[in-house]
PDB file of N, CA and C in Angstrom:
ATOM      1  N   MET A   1     145.796 111.589 110.996  1.00  0.00           N
ATOM      2  CA  MET A   1     146.227 111.221 109.663  1.00  0.00           C
ATOM      3  C   MET A   1     145.006 111.152 108.747  1.00  0.00           C
ATOM      4  N   ALA A   2     145.156 111.675 107.556  1.00  0.00           N
ATOM      5  CA  ALA A   2     144.051 111.681 106.605  1.00  0.00           C
ATOM      6  C   ALA A   2     143.672 110.259 106.197  1.00  0.00           C
ATOM      7  N   LYS A   3     142.420 110.101 105.835  1.00  0.00           N
ATOM      8  CA  LYS A   3     141.907 108.790 105.439  1.00  0.00           C
ATOM      9  C   LYS A   3     142.630 108.232 104.219  1.00  0.00           C
ATOM     10  N   ASN A   4     142.976 109.071 103.281  1.00  0.00           N
ATOM     11  CA  ASN A   4     143.616 108.633 102.040  1.00  0.00           C
ATOM     12  C   ASN A   4     145.120 108.888 102.024  1.00  0.00           C
ATOM     13  N   TYR A   5     145.732 108.995 103.193  1.00  0.00           N
ATOM     14  CA  TYR A   5     147.168 109.255 103.293  1.00  0.00           C
ATOM     15  C   TYR A   5     147.965 108.112 102.679  1.00  0.00           C
ATOM     16  N   VAL A   6     148.977 108.461 101.880  1.00  0.00           N
ATOM     17  CA  VAL A   6     149.876 107.477 101.289  1.00  0.00           C
ATOM     18  C   VAL A   6     151.288 107.785 101.766  1.00  0.00           C
ATOM     19  N   ASP A   7     151.906 106.816 102.409  1.00  0.00           N
ATOM     20  CA  ASP A   7     153.282 106.977 102.884  1.00  0.00           C
ATOM     21  C   ASP A   7     154.227 106.825 101.699  1.00  0.00           C
ATOM     22  N   ARG A   8     154.862 107.894 101.305  1.00  0.00           N
ATOM     23  CA  ARG A   8     155.745 107.879 100.149  1.00  0.00           C
ATOM     24  C   ARG A   8     157.221 107.840 100.550  1.00  0.00           C
ATOM     25  N   SER A   9     157.499 107.534 101.791  1.00  0.00           N
ATOM     26  CA  SER A   9     158.874 107.568 102.275  1.00  0.00           C
ATOM     27  C   SER A   9     159.757 106.485 101.651  1.00  0.00           C
ATOM     28  N   HIS A  10     159.162 105.461 101.081  1.00  0.00           N
ATOM     29  CA  HIS A  10     159.947 104.380 100.473  1.00  0.00           C
ATOM     30  C   HIS A  10     159.828 104.346  98.950  1.00  0.00           C
ATOM     31  N   ASP A  11     159.357 105.425  98.349  1.00  0.00           N
ATOM     32  CA  ASP A  11     159.148 105.468  96.899  1.00  0.00           C
ATOM     33  C   ASP A  11     160.425 105.148  96.112  1.00  0.00           C
ATOM     34  N   GLU A  12     161.535 105.758  96.487  1.00  0.00           N
ATOM     35  CA  GLU A  12     162.774 105.543  95.741  1.00  0.00           C
ATOM     36  C   GLU A  12     163.212 104.086  95.805  1.00  0.00           C
ATOM     37  N   GLU A  13     163.073 103.468  96.949  1.00  0.00           N
ATOM     38  CA  GLU A  13     163.426 102.056  97.093  1.00  0.00           C
ATOM     39  C   GLU A  13     162.527 101.182  96.226  1.00  0.00           C
ATOM     40  N   ILE A  14     161.233 101.483  96.219  1.00  0.00           N
ATOM     41  CA  ILE A  14     160.279 100.728  95.406  1.00  0.00           C
ATOM     42  C   ILE A  14     160.605 100.891  93.926  1.00  0.00           C
ATOM     43  N   ILE A  15     160.924 102.096  93.510  1.00  0.00           N
ATOM     44  CA  ILE A  15     161.248 102.353  92.108  1.00  0.00           C
ATOM     45  C   ILE A  15     162.522 101.614  91.712  1.00  0.00           C
ATOM     46  N   ASP A  16     163.523 101.598  92.580  1.00  0.00           N
ATOM     47  CA  ASP A  16     164.750 100.856  92.282  1.00  0.00           C
ATOM     48  C   ASP A  16     164.472  99.368  92.116  1.00  0.00           C
ATOM     49  N   ILE A  17     163.629  98.808  92.966  1.00  0.00           N
ATOM     50  CA  ILE A  17     163.266  97.392  92.870  1.00  0.00           C
ATOM     51  C   ILE A  17     162.505  97.136  91.576  1.00  0.00           C
ATOM     52  N   MET A  18     161.565  98.009  91.257  1.00  0.00           N
ATOM     53  CA  MET A  18     160.779  97.862  90.036  1.00  0.00           C
ATOM     54  C   MET A  18     161.678  97.910  88.804  1.00  0.00           C
ATOM     55  N   ARG A  19     162.621  98.828  88.778  1.00  0.00           N
ATOM     56  CA  ARG A  19     163.560  98.910  87.657  1.00  0.00           C
ATOM     57  C   ARG A  19     164.390  97.640  87.548  1.00  0.00           C
ATOM     58  N   SER A  20     164.842  97.125  88.663  1.00  0.00           N
ATOM     59  CA  SER A  20     165.627  95.899  88.675  1.00  0.00           C
ATOM     60  C   SER A  20     164.832  94.737  88.100  1.00  0.00           C
ATOM     61  N   VAL A  21     163.571  94.619  88.495  1.00  0.00           N
ATOM     62  CA  VAL A  21     162.709  93.550  87.996  1.00  0.00           C
ATOM     63  C   VAL A  21     162.481  93.706  86.500  1.00  0.00           C
ATOM     64  N   MET A  22     162.168  94.911  86.062  1.00  0.00           N
ATOM     65  CA  MET A  22     161.889  95.134  84.646  1.00  0.00           C
ATOM     66  C   MET A  22     163.143  94.957  83.789  1.00  0.00           C
ATOM     67  N   ASP A  23     164.301  95.297  84.326  1.00  0.00           N
ATOM     68  CA  ASP A  23     165.543  95.132  83.572  1.00  0.00           C
ATOM     69  C   ASP A  23     165.875  93.661  83.337  1.00  0.00           C
ATOM     70  N   ASN A  24     165.280  92.774  84.113  1.00  0.00           N
ATOM     71  CA  ASN A  24     165.493  91.341  83.915  1.00  0.00           C
ATOM     72  C   ASN A  24     164.521  90.755  82.898  1.00  0.00           C
ATOM     73  N   GLY A  25     163.691  91.582  82.321  1.00  0.00           N
ATOM     74  CA  GLY A  25     162.717  91.136  81.324  1.00  0.00           C
ATOM     75  C   GLY A  25     163.332  91.085  79.939  1.00  0.00           C
ATOM     76  N   THR A  26     162.487  91.149  78.942  1.00  0.00           N
ATOM     77  CA  THR A  26     162.921  91.014  77.552  1.00  0.00           C
ATOM     78  C   THR A  26     163.604  92.262  77.018  1.00  0.00           C
ATOM     79  N   GLY A  27     163.415  93.388  77.687  1.00  0.00           N
ATOM     80  CA  GLY A  27     163.946  94.636  77.167  1.00  0.00           C
ATOM     81  C   GLY A  27     162.973  95.324  76.238  1.00  0.00           C
ATOM     82  N   LYS A  28     161.840  94.689  76.017  1.00  0.00           N
ATOM     83  CA  LYS A  28     160.801  95.276  75.161  1.00  0.00           C
ATOM     84  C   LYS A  28     159.487  95.238  75.934  1.00  0.00           C
ATOM     85  N   ALA A  29     158.835  96.383  76.020  1.00  0.00           N
ATOM     86  CA  ALA A  29     157.545  96.436  76.708  1.00  0.00           C
ATOM     87  C   ALA A  29     156.529  95.616  75.933  1.00  0.00           C
ATOM     88  N   GLU A  30     155.892  94.673  76.615  1.00  0.00           N
ATOM     89  CA  GLU A  30     154.928  93.795  75.965  1.00  0.00           C
ATOM     90  C   GLU A  30     153.546  93.849  76.605  1.00  0.00           C
ATOM     91  N   THR A  31     153.486  94.037  77.899  1.00  0.00           N
ATOM     92  CA  THR A  31     152.200  93.996  78.587  1.00  0.00           C
ATOM     93  C   THR A  31     151.669  95.405  78.831  1.00  0.00           C
ATOM     94  N   VAL A  32     150.379  95.482  79.084  1.00  0.00           N
ATOM     95  CA  VAL A  32     149.749  96.763  79.408  1.00  0.00           C
ATOM     96  C   VAL A  32     150.395  97.356  80.652  1.00  0.00           C
ATOM     97  N   ASN A  33     150.636  96.536  81.655  1.00  0.00           N
ATOM     98  CA  ASN A  33     151.230  97.031  82.904  1.00  0.00           C
ATOM     99  C   ASN A  33     152.627  97.599  82.684  1.00  0.00           C
ATOM    100  N   GLU A  34     153.411  96.975  81.827  1.00  0.00           N
ATOM    101  CA  GLU A  34     154.737  97.510  81.522  1.00  0.00           C
ATOM    102  C   GLU A  34     154.616  98.873  80.850  1.00  0.00           C
ATOM    103  N   HIS A  35     153.676  99.007  79.936  1.00  0.00           N
ATOM    104  CA  HIS A  35     153.478 100.294  79.259  1.00  0.00           C
ATOM    105  C   HIS A  35     153.048 101.372  80.256  1.00  0.00           C
ATOM    106  N   ILE A  36     152.184 101.023  81.180  1.00  0.00           N
ATOM    107  CA  ILE A  36     151.731 101.991  82.188  1.00  0.00           C
ATOM    108  C   ILE A  36     152.887 102.395  83.095  1.00  0.00           C
ATOM    109  N   LEU A  37     153.702 101.448  83.518  1.00  0.00           N
ATOM    110  CA  LEU A  37     154.859 101.782  84.355  1.00  0.00           C
ATOM    111  C   LEU A  37     155.832 102.694  83.625  1.00  0.00           C
ATOM    112  N   ILE A  38     156.027 102.441  82.345  1.00  0.00           N
ATOM    113  CA  ILE A  38     156.912 103.302  81.551  1.00  0.00           C
ATOM    114  C   ILE A  38     156.374 104.727  81.546  1.00  0.00           C
ATOM    115  N   LYS A  39     155.068 104.892  81.353  1.00  0.00           N
ATOM    116  CA  LYS A  39     154.465 106.233  81.340  1.00  0.00           C
ATOM    117  C   LYS A  39     154.577 106.907  82.709  1.00  0.00           C
ATOM    118  N   LEU A  40     154.330 106.159  83.763  1.00  0.00           N
ATOM    119  CA  LEU A  40     154.444 106.728  85.109  1.00  0.00           C
ATOM    120  C   LEU A  40     155.869 107.196  85.387  1.00  0.00           C
ATOM    121  N   MET A  41     156.837 106.433  84.929  1.00  0.00           N
ATOM    122  CA  MET A  41     158.232 106.837  85.105  1.00  0.00           C
ATOM    123  C   MET A  41     158.548 108.082  84.271  1.00  0.00           C
ATOM    124  N   GLN A  42     157.983 108.180  83.093  1.00  0.00           N
ATOM    125  CA  GLN A  42     158.168 109.378  82.279  1.00  0.00           C
ATOM    126  C   GLN A  42     157.580 110.597  82.973  1.00  0.00           C
ATOM    127  N   LEU A  43     156.417 110.437  83.572  1.00  0.00           N
ATOM    128  CA  LEU A  43     155.750 111.556  84.234  1.00  0.00           C
ATOM    129  C   LEU A  43     156.532 112.060  85.448  1.00  0.00           C
ATOM    130  N   ARG A  44     157.260 111.165  86.091  1.00  0.00           N
ATOM    131  CA  ARG A  44     158.046 111.606  87.251  1.00  0.00           C
ATOM    132  C   ARG A  44     159.455 112.025  86.855  1.00  0.00           C
ATOM    133  N   ARG A  45     159.698 112.082  85.538  1.00  0.00           N
ATOM    134  CA  ARG A  45     160.970 112.532  84.951  1.00  0.00           C
ATOM    135  C   ARG A  45     162.146 111.607  85.273  1.00  0.00           C
ATOM    136  N   THR A  46     161.848 110.295  85.387  1.00  0.00           N
ATOM    137  CA  THR A  46     162.889 109.279  85.535  1.00  0.00           C
ATOM    138  C   THR A  46     162.564 108.146  84.564  1.00  0.00           C
ATOM    139  N   PRO A  47     162.718 108.399  83.270  1.00  0.00           N
ATOM    140  CA  PRO A  47     162.269 107.428  82.269  1.00  0.00           C
ATOM    141  C   PRO A  47     163.049 106.119  82.304  1.00  0.00           C
ATOM    142  N   MET A  48     162.375 105.065  81.857  1.00  0.00           N
ATOM    143  CA  MET A  48     162.999 103.754  81.711  1.00  0.00           C
ATOM    144  C   MET A  48     163.819 103.790  80.429  1.00  0.00           C
ATOM    145  N   THR A  49     165.122 103.682  80.530  1.00  0.00           N
ATOM    146  CA  THR A  49     165.977 103.775  79.349  1.00  0.00           C
ATOM    147  C   THR A  49     166.386 102.408  78.813  1.00  0.00           C
ATOM    148  N   SER A  50     166.162 101.352  79.581  1.00  0.00           N
ATOM    149  CA  SER A  50     166.599 100.024  79.150  1.00  0.00           C
ATOM    150  C   SER A  50     165.540  99.285  78.331  1.00  0.00           C
ATOM    151  N   PHE A  51     164.362  99.870  78.192  1.00  0.00           N
ATOM    152  CA  PHE A  51     163.257  99.226  77.477  1.00  0.00           C
ATOM    153  C   PHE A  51     163.044  99.867  76.125  1.00  0.00           C
ATOM    154  N   THR A  52     162.680  99.061  75.133  1.00  0.00           N
ATOM    155  CA  THR A  52     162.206  99.607  73.870  1.00  0.00           C
ATOM    156  C   THR A  52     160.684  99.546  73.902  1.00  0.00           C
ATOM    157  N   PHE A  53     160.063 100.543  73.346  1.00  0.00           N
ATOM    158  CA  PHE A  53     158.607 100.616  73.389  1.00  0.00           C
ATOM    159  C   PHE A  53     158.107 101.571  72.331  1.00  0.00           C
ATOM    160  N   ASN A  54     156.839 101.439  72.043  1.00  0.00           N
ATOM    161  CA  ASN A  54     156.151 102.321  71.114  1.00  0.00           C
ATOM    162  C   ASN A  54     155.439 103.378  71.956  1.00  0.00           C
ATOM    163  N   GLN A  55     155.834 104.638  71.803  1.00  0.00           N
ATOM    164  CA  GLN A  55     155.282 105.701  72.642  1.00  0.00           C
ATOM    165  C   GLN A  55     153.773 105.832  72.492  1.00  0.00           C
ATOM    166  N   SER A  56     153.258 105.638  71.296  1.00  0.00           N
ATOM    167  CA  SER A  56     151.804 105.754  71.132  1.00  0.00           C
ATOM    168  C   SER A  56     151.084 104.649  71.895  1.00  0.00           C
ATOM    169  N   ARG A  57     151.667 103.458  71.967  1.00  0.00           N
ATOM    170  CA  ARG A  57     151.086 102.357  72.754  1.00  0.00           C
ATOM    171  C   ARG A  57     151.155 102.678  74.246  1.00  0.00           C
ATOM    172  N   VAL A  58     152.260 103.262  74.674  1.00  0.00           N
ATOM    173  CA  VAL A  58     152.401 103.679  76.071  1.00  0.00           C
ATOM    174  C   VAL A  58     151.309 104.676  76.425  1.00  0.00           C
ATOM    175  N   ASP A  59     151.131 105.688  75.587  1.00  0.00           N
ATOM    176  CA  ASP A  59     150.115 106.708  75.837  1.00  0.00           C
ATOM    177  C   ASP A  59     148.705 106.110  75.818  1.00  0.00           C
ATOM    178  N   PHE A  60     148.442 105.216  74.867  1.00  0.00           N
ATOM    179  CA  PHE A  60     147.136 104.569  74.780  1.00  0.00           C
ATOM    180  C   PHE A  60     146.828 103.773  76.055  1.00  0.00           C
ATOM    181  N   CYS A  61     147.768 102.939  76.479  1.00  0.00           N
ATOM    182  CA  CYS A  61     147.549 102.115  77.683  1.00  0.00           C
ATOM    183  C   CYS A  61     147.350 102.986  78.916  1.00  0.00           C
ATOM    184  N   TYR A  62     148.149 104.029  79.023  1.00  0.00           N
ATOM    185  CA  TYR A  62     148.046 104.919  80.178  1.00  0.00           C
ATOM    186  C   TYR A  62     146.702 105.637  80.194  1.00  0.00           C
ATOM    187  N   ASN A  63     146.298 106.181  79.067  1.00  0.00           N
ATOM    188  CA  ASN A  63     145.021 106.901  79.001  1.00  0.00           C
ATOM    189  C   ASN A  63     143.841 105.979  79.273  1.00  0.00           C
ATOM    190  N   ARG A  64     143.911 104.770  78.787  1.00  0.00           N
ATOM    191  CA  ARG A  64     142.841 103.806  79.051  1.00  0.00           C
ATOM    192  C   ARG A  64     142.800 103.454  80.543  1.00  0.00           C
ATOM    193  N   TRP A  65     143.956 103.249  81.130  1.00  0.00           N
ATOM    194  CA  TRP A  65     144.053 102.952  82.568  1.00  0.00           C
ATOM    195  C   TRP A  65     143.491 104.103  83.396  1.00  0.00           C
ATOM    196  N   ARG A  66     143.828 105.324  83.010  1.00  0.00           N
ATOM    197  CA  ARG A  66     143.319 106.500  83.738  1.00  0.00           C
ATOM    198  C   ARG A  66     141.808 106.625  83.603  1.00  0.00           C
ATOM    199  N   GLY A  67     141.272 106.184  82.479  1.00  0.00           N
ATOM    200  CA  GLY A  67     139.841 106.278  82.236  1.00  0.00           C
ATOM    201  C   GLY A  67     139.014 105.230  82.960  1.00  0.00           C
ATOM    202  N   ASP A  68     139.645 104.126  83.332  1.00  0.00           N
ATOM    203  CA  ASP A  68     138.917 103.041  84.012  1.00  0.00           C
ATOM    204  C   ASP A  68     138.594 103.381  85.448  1.00  0.00           C
TER     205      ASP A  68
END
């Protein structure tokens, strides 16, 4: 097994749990982590539809996170 191997066999279950947790929030993205999760979901073509957010803020947080 490769040193950097990531087991992705439970990705769908993790995403369902994450969506459930976020859906219990305010419905508005407020934290940097929420903005990053929204962008990651967009990139995998399963966008978060229950949240309101500013796309430019999502892109800013994601790009900053990628740069760190």
